[in-house]
């Protein structure tokens, strides 16, 4: 069962995407800022080639209705944004989801948020170019998480709080 999400994802994720420039691209349509009188030098335009890594909590504390709500919100991201979106499920380990439409939930285990941030560099995601979206109920470890990823969105159901004492990124309730 797929539930229609309650949150407008365009405004939230577009603001995060527009804050992370990836590369500079040469352009003849723009003057060089340092030497504007030299027309033979190209100017630069920032490119925003951000990737989104979506993590869906698959632990035993997540009910089937919460999992279907998380899945509906994750599918809305792919429909509304024209950007590379990669899907993963996690509990104490991170598992890649090949096809989000045919994903079957196998619940079990606890929740470890550190496993996400340990897996991201191993999966070749870079801190400045990756927007991390985590669907969770907030129940996880209570220690501080060590990471270089700062563009993080924690998405929690209503009435839930994040177990991390000082969370980084934005905490959003669905």
N, C-alpha and C. Protein backbone atom coordinates (compact mmCIF):
# COMPACT_ATOMS: atom_id res chain seq x y z
N UNK A 1 0.85 -1.18 0.00
CA UNK A 1 0.00 0.00 0.00
C UNK A 1 0.89 1.24 0.00
N UNK A 2 0.68 2.13 -0.96
CA UNK A 2 1.46 3.36 -1.07
C UNK A 2 0.57 4.51 -0.63
N UNK A 3 1.06 5.31 0.31
CA UNK A 3 0.31 6.42 0.87
C UNK A 3 0.81 7.72 0.23
N UNK A 4 -0.08 8.66 -0.03
CA UNK A 4 0.31 9.94 -0.59
C UNK A 4 1.03 10.75 0.49
N UNK A 5 2.23 11.29 0.19
CA UNK A 5 2.98 12.02 1.21
C UNK A 5 2.33 13.36 1.56
N UNK A 6 2.60 13.83 2.79
CA UNK A 6 2.02 15.07 3.28
C UNK A 6 2.93 16.27 3.09
N UNK A 7 4.18 16.07 2.73
CA UNK A 7 5.17 17.13 2.70
C UNK A 7 5.52 17.52 1.27
N UNK A 8 5.72 18.82 1.01
CA UNK A 8 6.11 19.30 -0.30
C UNK A 8 7.62 19.13 -0.46
N UNK A 9 8.02 18.16 -1.26
CA UNK A 9 9.44 17.85 -1.38
C UNK A 9 10.19 18.80 -2.29
N UNK A 10 9.51 19.45 -3.21
CA UNK A 10 10.20 20.33 -4.15
C UNK A 10 10.92 21.45 -3.42
N UNK A 11 10.24 22.10 -2.50
CA UNK A 11 10.85 23.24 -1.82
C UNK A 11 11.98 22.81 -0.89
N UNK A 12 11.84 21.67 -0.24
CA UNK A 12 12.86 21.23 0.72
C UNK A 12 14.12 20.76 0.01
N UNK A 13 13.98 19.85 -0.93
CA UNK A 13 15.16 19.28 -1.57
C UNK A 13 15.79 20.21 -2.59
N UNK A 14 15.00 21.02 -3.26
CA UNK A 14 15.59 21.96 -4.21
C UNK A 14 16.49 22.98 -3.51
N UNK A 15 16.10 23.38 -2.30
CA UNK A 15 16.97 24.30 -1.57
C UNK A 15 18.29 23.64 -1.22
N UNK A 16 18.27 22.36 -0.89
CA UNK A 16 19.51 21.64 -0.59
C UNK A 16 20.34 21.40 -1.83
N UNK A 17 19.69 21.14 -2.96
CA UNK A 17 20.42 20.89 -4.20
C UNK A 17 21.10 22.16 -4.69
N UNK A 18 20.41 23.29 -4.58
CA UNK A 18 20.98 24.53 -5.11
C UNK A 18 22.13 25.06 -4.26
N UNK A 19 22.34 24.52 -3.06
CA UNK A 19 23.42 24.99 -2.20
C UNK A 19 24.73 24.27 -2.44
N UNK A 20 24.76 23.26 -3.27
CA UNK A 20 25.96 22.44 -3.41
C UNK A 20 26.48 22.48 -4.85
N UNK A 21 27.31 23.48 -5.20
CA UNK A 21 27.86 23.49 -6.56
C UNK A 21 28.88 22.39 -6.73
N UNK A 22 28.89 21.80 -7.91
CA UNK A 22 29.77 20.67 -8.17
C UNK A 22 31.04 21.11 -8.88
N UNK A 23 30.89 21.70 -10.04
CA UNK A 23 32.04 22.07 -10.86
C UNK A 23 31.79 23.42 -11.50
N UNK A 24 32.84 23.96 -12.08
CA UNK A 24 32.73 25.18 -12.88
C UNK A 24 32.85 24.79 -14.35
N UNK A 25 31.98 25.37 -15.16
CA UNK A 25 31.98 25.08 -16.59
C UNK A 25 32.34 26.36 -17.33
N UNK A 26 33.25 26.26 -18.29
CA UNK A 26 33.63 27.42 -19.09
C UNK A 26 32.46 27.85 -19.97
N UNK A 27 32.31 29.18 -20.14
CA UNK A 27 31.22 29.70 -20.94
C UNK A 27 31.66 30.96 -21.67
N UNK A 28 31.38 31.02 -22.95
CA UNK A 28 31.66 32.23 -23.74
C UNK A 28 30.56 33.26 -23.57
N UNK A 29 29.43 32.85 -23.03
CA UNK A 29 28.30 33.76 -22.85
C UNK A 29 28.49 34.66 -21.63
N UNK A 30 29.51 34.39 -20.84
CA UNK A 30 29.75 35.19 -19.64
C UNK A 30 31.19 35.67 -19.65
N UNK A 31 31.40 36.91 -19.24
CA UNK A 31 32.74 37.47 -19.21
C UNK A 31 33.56 36.86 -18.08
N UNK A 32 34.88 36.85 -18.27
CA UNK A 32 35.79 36.43 -17.22
C UNK A 32 35.76 37.50 -16.13
N UNK A 33 35.55 37.11 -14.90
CA UNK A 33 35.41 38.09 -13.81
C UNK A 33 36.73 38.78 -13.48
N UNK A 34 37.82 38.11 -13.66
CA UNK A 34 39.11 38.70 -13.30
C UNK A 34 39.62 39.66 -14.37
N UNK A 35 39.37 39.30 -15.62
CA UNK A 35 39.85 40.14 -16.72
C UNK A 35 38.72 40.31 -17.73
N UNK A 36 37.76 41.14 -17.39
CA UNK A 36 36.56 41.30 -18.21
C UNK A 36 36.86 41.96 -19.55
N UNK A 37 37.94 42.73 -19.65
CA UNK A 37 38.28 43.41 -20.90
C UNK A 37 38.89 42.46 -21.93
N UNK A 38 39.33 41.29 -21.50
CA UNK A 38 39.89 40.29 -22.44
C UNK A 38 38.78 39.35 -22.87
N UNK A 39 38.25 39.59 -24.05
CA UNK A 39 37.12 38.81 -24.53
C UNK A 39 37.51 37.41 -24.99
N UNK A 40 38.82 37.15 -25.12
CA UNK A 40 39.24 35.81 -25.54
C UNK A 40 39.23 34.81 -24.38
N UNK A 41 39.12 35.29 -23.14
CA UNK A 41 39.07 34.39 -21.99
C UNK A 41 37.61 34.05 -21.66
N UNK A 42 37.30 32.77 -21.51
CA UNK A 42 35.91 32.42 -21.18
C UNK A 42 35.61 32.68 -19.71
N UNK A 43 34.35 32.93 -19.43
CA UNK A 43 33.89 33.05 -18.05
C UNK A 43 33.54 31.68 -17.50
N UNK A 44 33.00 31.66 -16.30
CA UNK A 44 32.65 30.39 -15.67
C UNK A 44 31.21 30.41 -15.18
N UNK A 45 30.57 29.25 -15.29
CA UNK A 45 29.22 29.05 -14.77
C UNK A 45 29.28 27.85 -13.84
N UNK A 46 28.70 27.97 -12.65
CA UNK A 46 28.68 26.85 -11.70
C UNK A 46 27.70 25.79 -12.17
N UNK A 47 28.08 24.54 -12.02
CA UNK A 47 27.20 23.41 -12.32
C UNK A 47 26.78 22.76 -11.02
N UNK A 48 25.55 22.35 -10.96
CA UNK A 48 25.01 21.73 -9.76
C UNK A 48 24.65 20.28 -10.08
N UNK A 49 25.64 19.41 -10.09
CA UNK A 49 25.43 17.99 -10.38
C UNK A 49 25.38 17.21 -9.07
N UNK A 50 24.44 17.54 -8.25
CA UNK A 50 24.31 16.88 -6.96
C UNK A 50 23.60 15.54 -7.13
N UNK A 51 24.03 14.57 -6.34
CA UNK A 51 23.36 13.28 -6.29
C UNK A 51 22.62 13.17 -4.96
N UNK A 52 21.52 12.45 -4.98
CA UNK A 52 20.76 12.24 -3.75
C UNK A 52 20.88 10.78 -3.36
N UNK A 53 21.27 10.54 -2.11
CA UNK A 53 21.31 9.19 -1.56
C UNK A 53 20.18 9.09 -0.53
N UNK A 54 19.20 8.23 -0.83
CA UNK A 54 18.03 8.06 0.03
C UNK A 54 18.19 6.77 0.82
N UNK A 55 18.07 6.87 2.14
CA UNK A 55 18.20 5.72 3.03
C UNK A 55 16.87 5.51 3.75
N UNK A 56 16.33 4.29 3.64
CA UNK A 56 15.06 3.94 4.26
C UNK A 56 15.34 2.99 5.42
N UNK A 57 14.89 3.37 6.61
CA UNK A 57 15.09 2.55 7.81
C UNK A 57 14.30 1.25 7.67
N UNK A 58 15.01 0.14 7.84
CA UNK A 58 14.42 -1.18 7.64
C UNK A 58 14.52 -2.01 8.93
N UNK A 59 14.61 -1.32 10.07
CA UNK A 59 14.78 -2.03 11.33
C UNK A 59 13.45 -2.58 11.82
N UNK A 60 13.49 -3.34 12.90
CA UNK A 60 12.29 -3.97 13.44
C UNK A 60 11.35 -2.95 14.10
N UNK A 61 11.86 -1.77 14.44
CA UNK A 61 11.01 -0.76 15.09
C UNK A 61 10.10 -0.03 14.11
N UNK A 62 10.30 -0.23 12.83
CA UNK A 62 9.47 0.40 11.79
C UNK A 62 8.29 -0.50 11.47
N UNK A 63 7.08 0.05 11.56
CA UNK A 63 5.89 -0.73 11.21
C UNK A 63 5.72 -0.76 9.69
N UNK A 64 4.86 -1.63 9.21
CA UNK A 64 4.63 -1.72 7.77
C UNK A 64 3.99 -0.45 7.23
N UNK A 65 3.13 0.20 8.00
CA UNK A 65 2.51 1.45 7.54
C UNK A 65 3.54 2.56 7.44
N UNK A 66 4.48 2.62 8.40
CA UNK A 66 5.55 3.61 8.33
C UNK A 66 6.45 3.33 7.14
N UNK A 67 6.75 2.07 6.89
CA UNK A 67 7.60 1.70 5.76
C UNK A 67 6.93 2.08 4.44
N UNK A 68 5.63 1.90 4.32
CA UNK A 68 4.93 2.28 3.09
C UNK A 68 4.89 3.79 2.92
N UNK A 69 4.80 4.53 4.03
CA UNK A 69 4.84 5.99 3.96
C UNK A 69 6.23 6.47 3.53
N UNK A 70 7.27 5.85 4.08
CA UNK A 70 8.64 6.18 3.68
C UNK A 70 8.84 5.90 2.19
N UNK A 71 8.34 4.77 1.73
CA UNK A 71 8.48 4.38 0.34
C UNK A 71 7.74 5.35 -0.58
N UNK A 72 6.56 5.80 -0.19
CA UNK A 72 5.79 6.77 -0.99
C UNK A 72 6.55 8.08 -1.11
N UNK A 73 7.13 8.55 -0.01
CA UNK A 73 7.91 9.78 -0.05
C UNK A 73 9.17 9.62 -0.90
N UNK A 74 9.80 8.47 -0.81
CA UNK A 74 11.00 8.21 -1.62
C UNK A 74 10.67 8.19 -3.10
N UNK A 75 9.53 7.62 -3.46
CA UNK A 75 9.13 7.58 -4.86
C UNK A 75 8.77 8.97 -5.37
N UNK A 76 8.27 9.85 -4.50
CA UNK A 76 7.98 11.22 -4.90
C UNK A 76 9.25 11.98 -5.26
N UNK A 77 10.35 11.66 -4.61
CA UNK A 77 11.62 12.32 -4.92
C UNK A 77 12.00 12.05 -6.37
N UNK A 78 11.86 10.81 -6.82
CA UNK A 78 12.24 10.47 -8.19
C UNK A 78 11.30 11.11 -9.20
N UNK A 79 10.03 11.26 -8.86
CA UNK A 79 9.07 11.84 -9.79
C UNK A 79 9.24 13.35 -9.93
N UNK A 80 9.60 14.03 -8.86
CA UNK A 80 9.60 15.49 -8.87
C UNK A 80 10.94 16.11 -9.21
N UNK A 81 12.03 15.38 -9.05
CA UNK A 81 13.34 15.96 -9.29
C UNK A 81 14.05 15.23 -10.42
N UNK A 82 14.64 15.99 -11.31
CA UNK A 82 15.40 15.41 -12.42
C UNK A 82 16.87 15.37 -12.00
N UNK A 83 17.20 14.37 -11.21
CA UNK A 83 18.55 14.27 -10.64
C UNK A 83 18.83 12.80 -10.35
N UNK A 84 20.10 12.44 -10.20
CA UNK A 84 20.46 11.06 -9.87
C UNK A 84 20.06 10.75 -8.43
N UNK A 85 19.19 9.76 -8.26
CA UNK A 85 18.74 9.35 -6.93
C UNK A 85 19.11 7.89 -6.74
N UNK A 86 19.80 7.59 -5.64
CA UNK A 86 20.21 6.23 -5.31
C UNK A 86 19.49 5.83 -4.02
N UNK A 87 18.94 4.61 -4.00
CA UNK A 87 18.16 4.15 -2.86
C UNK A 87 18.88 3.04 -2.11
N UNK A 88 18.78 3.10 -0.77
CA UNK A 88 19.40 2.11 0.10
C UNK A 88 18.45 1.85 1.27
N UNK A 89 18.50 0.63 1.79
CA UNK A 89 17.82 0.34 3.05
C UNK A 89 18.91 0.10 4.09
N UNK A 90 18.58 0.34 5.35
CA UNK A 90 19.58 0.15 6.40
C UNK A 90 18.92 -0.28 7.69
N UNK A 91 19.67 -1.02 8.47
CA UNK A 91 19.37 -1.29 9.87
C UNK A 91 20.69 -1.16 10.60
N UNK A 92 21.45 -2.24 10.74
CA UNK A 92 22.83 -2.13 11.23
C UNK A 92 23.81 -2.14 10.08
N UNK A 93 23.34 -2.52 8.89
CA UNK A 93 24.14 -2.51 7.66
C UNK A 93 23.34 -1.79 6.58
N UNK A 94 24.05 -1.34 5.56
CA UNK A 94 23.42 -0.66 4.43
C UNK A 94 23.30 -1.65 3.28
N UNK A 95 22.11 -1.69 2.67
CA UNK A 95 21.86 -2.57 1.52
C UNK A 95 21.34 -1.72 0.38
N UNK A 96 21.90 -1.92 -0.81
CA UNK A 96 21.45 -1.15 -1.97
C UNK A 96 20.13 -1.69 -2.49
N UNK A 97 19.24 -0.79 -2.88
CA UNK A 97 17.96 -1.16 -3.49
C UNK A 97 18.12 -0.96 -4.99
N UNK A 98 18.08 -2.03 -5.74
CA UNK A 98 18.28 -1.95 -7.19
C UNK A 98 17.10 -1.25 -7.88
N UNK A 99 15.87 -1.66 -7.54
CA UNK A 99 14.68 -1.09 -8.15
C UNK A 99 13.69 -0.75 -7.03
N UNK A 100 13.41 0.51 -6.85
CA UNK A 100 12.56 0.96 -5.74
C UNK A 100 11.13 0.46 -5.90
N UNK A 101 10.68 0.25 -7.13
CA UNK A 101 9.29 -0.17 -7.36
C UNK A 101 9.04 -1.63 -6.99
N UNK A 102 10.08 -2.45 -7.05
CA UNK A 102 9.92 -3.88 -6.75
C UNK A 102 10.58 -4.28 -5.43
N UNK A 103 10.92 -3.31 -4.60
CA UNK A 103 11.62 -3.58 -3.35
C UNK A 103 10.70 -4.29 -2.36
N UNK A 104 11.20 -5.36 -1.76
CA UNK A 104 10.48 -6.09 -0.72
C UNK A 104 11.16 -5.82 0.62
N UNK A 105 10.37 -5.51 1.62
CA UNK A 105 10.92 -5.19 2.94
C UNK A 105 11.20 -6.46 3.72
N UNK A 106 12.41 -6.53 4.30
CA UNK A 106 12.80 -7.63 5.18
C UNK A 106 13.23 -6.99 6.50
N UNK A 107 12.30 -6.83 7.42
CA UNK A 107 12.56 -6.11 8.66
C UNK A 107 13.37 -6.96 9.62
N UNK A 108 14.15 -6.28 10.43
CA UNK A 108 14.91 -6.96 11.47
C UNK A 108 16.14 -6.17 11.85
N UNK A 109 16.62 -6.41 13.06
CA UNK A 109 17.84 -5.76 13.50
C UNK A 109 17.56 -4.41 14.15
N UNK A 110 18.61 -3.82 14.66
CA UNK A 110 18.52 -2.50 15.28
C UNK A 110 18.77 -1.42 14.25
N UNK A 111 18.95 -0.20 14.73
CA UNK A 111 19.20 0.93 13.84
C UNK A 111 20.54 1.54 14.19
N UNK A 112 21.43 1.63 13.22
CA UNK A 112 22.73 2.26 13.40
C UNK A 112 22.92 3.30 12.32
N UNK A 113 22.87 4.58 12.70
CA UNK A 113 23.03 5.65 11.73
C UNK A 113 24.47 5.77 11.24
N UNK A 114 25.43 5.39 12.07
CA UNK A 114 26.83 5.48 11.68
C UNK A 114 27.13 4.60 10.47
N UNK A 115 26.38 3.49 10.31
CA UNK A 115 26.61 2.61 9.16
C UNK A 115 26.34 3.32 7.84
N UNK A 116 25.42 4.28 7.84
CA UNK A 116 25.14 5.06 6.63
C UNK A 116 26.36 5.87 6.25
N UNK A 117 26.91 6.58 7.21
CA UNK A 117 28.01 7.50 6.92
C UNK A 117 29.34 6.77 6.74
N UNK A 118 29.42 5.52 7.19
CA UNK A 118 30.58 4.69 6.87
C UNK A 118 30.48 4.14 5.46
N UNK A 119 29.26 3.86 5.01
CA UNK A 119 29.06 3.25 3.68
C UNK A 119 29.14 4.27 2.55
N UNK A 120 28.81 5.53 2.80
CA UNK A 120 28.78 6.53 1.73
C UNK A 120 30.12 6.68 1.01
N UNK A 121 31.26 6.86 1.70
CA UNK A 121 32.53 6.95 0.97
C UNK A 121 32.88 5.65 0.24
N UNK A 122 32.52 4.50 0.82
CA UNK A 122 32.79 3.22 0.16
C UNK A 122 31.98 3.07 -1.12
N UNK A 123 30.81 3.71 -1.17
CA UNK A 123 29.95 3.67 -2.36
C UNK A 123 30.27 4.79 -3.34
N UNK A 124 31.38 5.49 -3.12
CA UNK A 124 31.88 6.56 -4.00
C UNK A 124 30.99 7.80 -4.03
N UNK A 125 30.43 8.17 -2.88
CA UNK A 125 29.70 9.42 -2.76
C UNK A 125 30.63 10.43 -2.10
N UNK A 126 30.58 11.69 -2.57
CA UNK A 126 31.45 12.73 -2.07
C UNK A 126 30.65 13.72 -1.22
N UNK A 127 31.24 14.22 -0.12
CA UNK A 127 30.48 15.07 0.81
C UNK A 127 29.88 16.34 0.21
N UNK A 128 30.59 17.02 -0.69
CA UNK A 128 30.07 18.26 -1.23
C UNK A 128 29.04 18.05 -2.33
N UNK A 129 29.02 16.87 -2.94
CA UNK A 129 28.15 16.62 -4.08
C UNK A 129 26.96 15.73 -3.74
N UNK A 130 26.83 15.31 -2.50
CA UNK A 130 25.79 14.35 -2.14
C UNK A 130 24.84 14.94 -1.12
N UNK A 131 23.57 14.82 -1.42
CA UNK A 131 22.51 15.20 -0.50
C UNK A 131 21.97 13.90 0.10
N UNK A 132 22.04 13.76 1.42
CA UNK A 132 21.65 12.52 2.09
C UNK A 132 20.26 12.71 2.71
N UNK A 133 19.33 11.83 2.33
CA UNK A 133 17.96 11.86 2.86
C UNK A 133 17.75 10.56 3.62
N UNK A 134 17.41 10.66 4.91
CA UNK A 134 17.26 9.47 5.76
C UNK A 134 15.83 9.42 6.30
N UNK A 135 15.09 8.38 5.90
CA UNK A 135 13.75 8.13 6.43
C UNK A 135 13.90 7.18 7.62
N UNK A 136 13.54 7.64 8.80
CA UNK A 136 13.72 6.83 10.00
C UNK A 136 12.68 7.21 11.06
N UNK A 137 12.54 6.35 12.07
CA UNK A 137 11.68 6.68 13.19
C UNK A 137 12.45 7.40 14.29
N UNK A 138 13.76 7.55 14.12
CA UNK A 138 14.58 8.29 15.07
C UNK A 138 15.22 7.44 16.14
N UNK A 139 14.80 6.19 16.28
CA UNK A 139 15.38 5.31 17.30
C UNK A 139 16.68 4.73 16.76
N UNK A 140 17.77 5.10 17.38
CA UNK A 140 19.08 4.62 16.95
C UNK A 140 20.08 4.83 18.07
N UNK A 141 21.36 4.87 17.70
CA UNK A 141 22.37 5.06 18.73
C UNK A 141 22.31 6.48 19.28
N UNK A 142 22.84 6.65 20.46
CA UNK A 142 22.79 7.94 21.14
C UNK A 142 24.13 8.67 21.09
N UNK A 143 25.14 8.04 20.48
CA UNK A 143 26.45 8.68 20.39
C UNK A 143 26.47 9.66 19.23
N UNK A 144 27.44 10.54 19.27
CA UNK A 144 27.64 11.48 18.16
C UNK A 144 28.15 10.73 16.94
N UNK A 145 27.72 11.16 15.78
CA UNK A 145 28.11 10.51 14.53
C UNK A 145 29.26 11.30 13.91
N UNK A 146 30.28 10.58 13.45
CA UNK A 146 31.43 11.19 12.80
C UNK A 146 31.23 11.12 11.29
N UNK A 147 31.19 12.28 10.63
CA UNK A 147 31.02 12.30 9.18
C UNK A 147 31.45 13.64 8.60
N UNK A 148 31.76 13.63 7.31
CA UNK A 148 32.05 14.86 6.59
C UNK A 148 30.83 15.33 5.80
N UNK A 149 29.78 14.52 5.75
CA UNK A 149 28.57 14.87 5.01
C UNK A 149 27.73 15.83 5.84
N UNK A 150 27.46 17.01 5.28
CA UNK A 150 26.72 18.04 6.01
C UNK A 150 25.35 18.31 5.42
N UNK A 151 25.10 17.91 4.17
CA UNK A 151 23.79 18.10 3.54
C UNK A 151 22.93 16.87 3.85
N UNK A 152 22.40 16.83 5.07
CA UNK A 152 21.66 15.66 5.55
C UNK A 152 20.26 16.10 5.96
N UNK A 153 19.26 15.34 5.51
CA UNK A 153 17.87 15.58 5.89
C UNK A 153 17.35 14.34 6.61
N UNK A 154 16.97 14.51 7.86
CA UNK A 154 16.40 13.44 8.68
C UNK A 154 14.89 13.57 8.60
N UNK A 155 14.19 12.57 8.08
CA UNK A 155 12.74 12.62 7.93
C UNK A 155 12.09 11.66 8.91
N UNK A 156 11.34 12.22 9.86
CA UNK A 156 10.75 11.44 10.95
C UNK A 156 9.23 11.51 10.89
N UNK A 157 8.55 10.45 11.34
CA UNK A 157 7.09 10.52 11.46
C UNK A 157 6.69 11.51 12.55
N UNK A 158 5.44 11.94 12.52
CA UNK A 158 4.96 12.90 13.52
C UNK A 158 5.08 12.33 14.93
N UNK A 159 5.51 13.19 15.86
CA UNK A 159 5.63 12.79 17.25
C UNK A 159 6.92 12.07 17.60
N UNK A 160 7.78 11.83 16.64
CA UNK A 160 9.05 11.13 16.90
C UNK A 160 10.19 12.15 17.00
N UNK A 161 11.21 11.81 17.76
CA UNK A 161 12.40 12.64 17.87
C UNK A 161 13.62 11.80 17.54
N UNK A 162 14.68 12.47 17.14
CA UNK A 162 15.92 11.80 16.78
C UNK A 162 16.71 11.48 18.04
N UNK A 163 17.29 10.29 18.10
CA UNK A 163 18.00 9.85 19.30
C UNK A 163 19.38 10.49 19.44
N UNK A 164 19.90 11.08 18.38
CA UNK A 164 21.22 11.72 18.44
C UNK A 164 21.07 13.03 19.21
N UNK A 165 21.96 13.30 20.19
CA UNK A 165 21.79 14.48 21.03
C UNK A 165 21.84 15.81 20.28
N UNK A 166 22.79 15.98 19.38
CA UNK A 166 22.87 17.23 18.60
C UNK A 166 22.94 16.86 17.12
N UNK A 167 21.78 16.70 16.48
CA UNK A 167 21.78 16.26 15.08
C UNK A 167 22.29 17.35 14.15
N UNK A 168 23.00 16.94 13.12
CA UNK A 168 23.45 17.86 12.09
C UNK A 168 22.50 17.74 10.91
N UNK A 169 22.46 18.74 10.07
CA UNK A 169 21.51 18.73 8.96
C UNK A 169 20.16 19.24 9.44
N UNK A 170 19.11 18.90 8.68
CA UNK A 170 17.76 19.35 9.01
C UNK A 170 16.91 18.16 9.42
N UNK A 171 16.17 18.33 10.51
CA UNK A 171 15.24 17.30 10.98
C UNK A 171 13.84 17.75 10.58
N UNK A 172 13.15 16.92 9.78
CA UNK A 172 11.83 17.26 9.25
C UNK A 172 10.85 16.18 9.66
N UNK A 173 9.67 16.60 10.11
CA UNK A 173 8.63 15.62 10.43
C UNK A 173 7.69 15.50 9.24
N UNK A 174 7.26 14.28 8.97
CA UNK A 174 6.36 14.03 7.84
C UNK A 174 4.93 14.29 8.24
